[in-house]
C-alpha atoms as a PDB file:
ATOM      1  CA  UNK A   1     116.199 160.975  52.387  1.00  0.00           C
ATOM      2  CA  UNK A   2     112.890 160.349  53.823  1.00  0.00           C
ATOM      3  CA  UNK A   3     113.253 156.644  53.426  1.00  0.00           C
ATOM      4  CA  UNK A   4     116.495 156.788  55.581  1.00  0.00           C
ATOM      5  CA  UNK A   5     114.750 158.587  58.201  1.00  0.00           C
ATOM      6  CA  UNK A   6     111.615 156.036  58.206  1.00  0.00           C
ATOM      7  CA  UNK A   7     114.402 153.080  58.418  1.00  0.00           C
ATOM      8  CA  UNK A   8     116.167 154.992  61.190  1.00  0.00           C
ATOM      9  CA  UNK A   9     112.910 155.559  63.285  1.00  0.00           C
ATOM     10  CA  UNK A  10     112.004 151.971  62.816  1.00  0.00           C
ATOM     11  CA  UNK A  11     115.307 150.621  63.878  1.00  0.00           C
ATOM     12  CA  UNK A  12     115.455 152.850  67.035  1.00  0.00           C
ATOM     13  CA  UNK A  13     111.821 152.075  67.803  1.00  0.00           C
ATOM     14  CA  UNK A  14     112.437 148.250  67.582  1.00  0.00           C
ATOM     15  CA  UNK A  15     115.493 148.642  69.864  1.00  0.00           C
ATOM     16  CA  UNK A  16     113.561 150.676  72.494  1.00  0.00           C
ATOM     17  CA  UNK A  17     110.573 148.222  72.622  1.00  0.00           C
ATOM     18  CA  UNK A  18     112.911 145.200  73.041  1.00  0.00           C
ATOM     19  CA  UNK A  19     114.632 147.035  75.935  1.00  0.00           C
ATOM     20  CA  UNK A  20     111.589 146.611  78.301  1.00  0.00           C
ATOM     21  CA  UNK A  21     111.424 142.852  77.556  1.00  0.00           C
ATOM     22  CA  UNK A  22     114.641 141.998  79.389  1.00  0.00           C
ATOM     23  CA  UNK A  23     113.887 140.190  82.540  1.00  0.00           C
ATOM     24  CA  UNK A  24     114.464 141.987  85.670  1.00  0.00           C
ATOM     25  CA  UNK A  25     116.354 140.464  88.618  1.00  0.00           C
ATOM     26  CA  UNK A  26     114.176 138.811  91.437  1.00  0.00           C
ATOM     27  CA  UNK A  27     113.619 141.258  94.392  1.00  0.00           C
ATOM     28  CA  UNK A  28     114.321 139.832  97.732  1.00  0.00           C
ATOM     29  CA  UNK A  29     111.182 139.166  99.814  1.00  0.00           C
ATOM     30  CA  UNK A  30     110.517 137.954 103.415  1.00  0.00           C
ATOM     31  CA  UNK A  31     108.439 135.184 104.823  1.00  0.00           C
ATOM     32  CA  UNK A  32     107.987 133.964 108.264  1.00  0.00           C
ATOM     33  CA  UNK A  33     106.961 130.318 109.400  1.00  0.00           C
ATOM     34  CA  UNK A  34     108.218 126.998 110.598  1.00  0.00           C
ATOM     35  CA  UNK A  35     111.452 125.347 109.185  1.00  0.00           C
ATOM     36  CA  UNK A  36     110.932 121.451 108.359  1.00  0.00           C
ATOM     37  CA  UNK A  37     112.711 118.857 106.189  1.00  0.00           C
ATOM     38  CA  UNK A  38     110.743 117.918 103.021  1.00  0.00           C
ATOM     39  CA  UNK A  39     108.940 114.544 103.116  1.00  0.00           C
ATOM     40  CA  UNK A  40     111.996 112.783 101.370  1.00  0.00           C
ATOM     41  CA  UNK A  41     114.364 114.373 103.926  1.00  0.00           C
ATOM     42  CA  UNK A  42     116.702 115.981 101.264  1.00  0.00           C
ATOM     43  CA  UNK A  43     115.581 119.543 101.345  1.00  0.00           C
ATOM     44  CA  UNK A  44     114.127 122.259 103.740  1.00  0.00           C
ATOM     45  CA  UNK A  45     110.880 123.885 103.561  1.00  0.00           C
ATOM     46  CA  UNK A  46     108.951 126.743 105.155  1.00  0.00           C
ATOM     47  CA  UNK A  47     105.377 125.805 106.518  1.00  0.00           C
ATOM     48  CA  UNK A  48     102.640 128.090 107.913  1.00  0.00           C
ATOM     49  CA  UNK A  49      99.957 126.233 109.829  1.00  0.00           C
ATOM     50  CA  UNK A  50     101.651 122.880 108.932  1.00  0.00           C
ATOM     51  CA  UNK A  51     101.192 123.598 105.138  1.00  0.00           C
ATOM     52  CA  UNK A  52     104.066 123.898 102.757  1.00  0.00           C
ATOM     53  CA  UNK A  53     104.585 127.568 101.532  1.00  0.00           C
ATOM     54  CA  UNK A  54     108.018 127.342  99.960  1.00  0.00           C
ATOM     55  CA  UNK A  55     110.971 125.025  99.497  1.00  0.00           C
ATOM     56  CA  UNK A  56     114.385 126.148  99.412  1.00  0.00           C
ATOM     57  CA  UNK A  57     116.460 125.313  96.298  1.00  0.00           C
ATOM     58  CA  UNK A  58     119.491 127.071  97.375  1.00  0.00           C
ATOM     59  CA  UNK A  59     120.759 128.699 100.605  1.00  0.00           C
ATOM     60  CA  UNK A  60     123.813 130.764 101.628  1.00  0.00           C
ATOM     61  CA  UNK A  61     122.901 129.733 105.262  1.00  0.00           C
ATOM     62  CA  UNK A  62     123.215 126.449 106.957  1.00  0.00           C
ATOM     63  CA  UNK A  63     119.603 125.427 107.577  1.00  0.00           C
ATOM     64  CA  UNK A  64     120.037 122.284 109.556  1.00  0.00           C
ATOM     65  CA  UNK A  65     120.172 124.205 112.897  1.00  0.00           C
ATOM     66  CA  UNK A  66     116.846 125.824 112.136  1.00  0.00           C
ATOM     67  CA  UNK A  67     114.727 122.865 111.722  1.00  0.00           C
ATOM     68  CA  UNK A  68     111.834 122.820 114.118  1.00  0.00           C
ATOM     69  CA  UNK A  69     112.252 126.765 114.732  1.00  0.00           C
ATOM     70  CA  UNK A  70     109.938 129.554 113.808  1.00  0.00           C
ATOM     71  CA  UNK A  71     111.971 131.639 111.552  1.00  0.00           C
ATOM     72  CA  UNK A  72     111.983 134.715 109.261  1.00  0.00           C
ATOM     73  CA  UNK A  73     113.624 134.342 105.976  1.00  0.00           C
ATOM     74  CA  UNK A  74     114.840 136.638 103.259  1.00  0.00           C
ATOM     75  CA  UNK A  75     115.339 135.445  99.759  1.00  0.00           C
ATOM     76  CA  UNK A  76     114.616 135.465  95.949  1.00  0.00           C
ATOM     77  CA  UNK A  77     112.269 133.378  93.894  1.00  0.00           C
ATOM     78  CA  UNK A  78     114.059 130.572  92.092  1.00  0.00           C
ATOM     79  CA  UNK A  79     112.250 131.204  88.817  1.00  0.00           C
ATOM     80  CA  UNK A  80     114.119 128.473  86.981  1.00  0.00           C
ATOM     81  CA  UNK A  81     113.137 125.807  89.243  1.00  0.00           C
ATOM     82  CA  UNK A  82     109.511 126.969  89.460  1.00  0.00           C
ATOM     83  CA  UNK A  83     109.390 126.945  85.539  1.00  0.00           C
ATOM     84  CA  UNK A  84     110.768 123.179  85.682  1.00  0.00           C
ATOM     85  CA  UNK A  85     107.999 122.467  88.205  1.00  0.00           C
ATOM     86  CA  UNK A  86     105.411 123.775  86.005  1.00  0.00           C
ATOM     87  CA  UNK A  87     104.892 127.211  87.521  1.00  0.00           C
ATOM     88  CA  UNK A  88     104.222 128.824  90.997  1.00  0.00           C
ATOM     89  CA  UNK A  89     100.757 126.780  91.191  1.00  0.00           C
ATOM     90  CA  UNK A  90     102.886 123.663  91.807  1.00  0.00           C
ATOM     91  CA  UNK A  91     105.070 125.167  94.283  1.00  0.00           C
ATOM     92  CA  UNK A  92     107.154 128.141  95.374  1.00  0.00           C
ATOM     93  CA  UNK A  93     111.027 127.759  95.484  1.00  0.00           C
ATOM     94  CA  UNK A  94     113.384 130.280  97.005  1.00  0.00           C
ATOM     95  CA  UNK A  95     117.040 130.880  97.171  1.00  0.00           C
ATOM     96  CA  UNK A  96     117.822 132.077 100.695  1.00  0.00           C
ATOM     97  CA  UNK A  97     120.235 134.668 101.633  1.00  0.00           C
ATOM     98  CA  UNK A  98     119.226 135.129 105.293  1.00  0.00           C
ATOM     99  CA  UNK A  99     117.557 133.376 108.228  1.00  0.00           C
ATOM    100  CA  UNK A 100     116.523 134.897 111.555  1.00  0.00           C
ATOM    101  CA  UNK A 101     115.086 132.683 114.374  1.00  0.00           C
ATOM    102  CA  UNK A 102     111.991 133.906 115.996  1.00  0.00           C
ATOM    103  CA  UNK A 103     111.316 131.250 118.319  1.00  0.00           C
ATOM    104  CA  UNK A 104     113.118 127.911 119.432  1.00  0.00           C
ATOM    105  CA  UNK A 105     109.898 125.939 118.576  1.00  0.00           C
ATOM    106  CA  UNK A 106     106.945 126.108 116.049  1.00  0.00           C
ATOM    107  CA  UNK A 107     103.481 127.276 117.259  1.00  0.00           C
END
């Protein structure tokens, strides 16, 4: 009987410890900067002080009208693309859900 209790405790304990290892969905975050095209002209990026801060991998918003504008963005980190690129130290990639124009020109 004690052996069954030990086995049951081990099974439940293993199940509970694995529950915390599931990946959490990315939380939306905001950034502000200047919308530009990437050097190859195929994608869009947000710059701050003329330095690339984030490249957009996907967007539910048409980004073309925002090029050259100062904008405020909302989105989530594209962890899959960052992993393929070798981690965030090699670039931050986001999936955009919202764009708000702050100014018609970049500072």
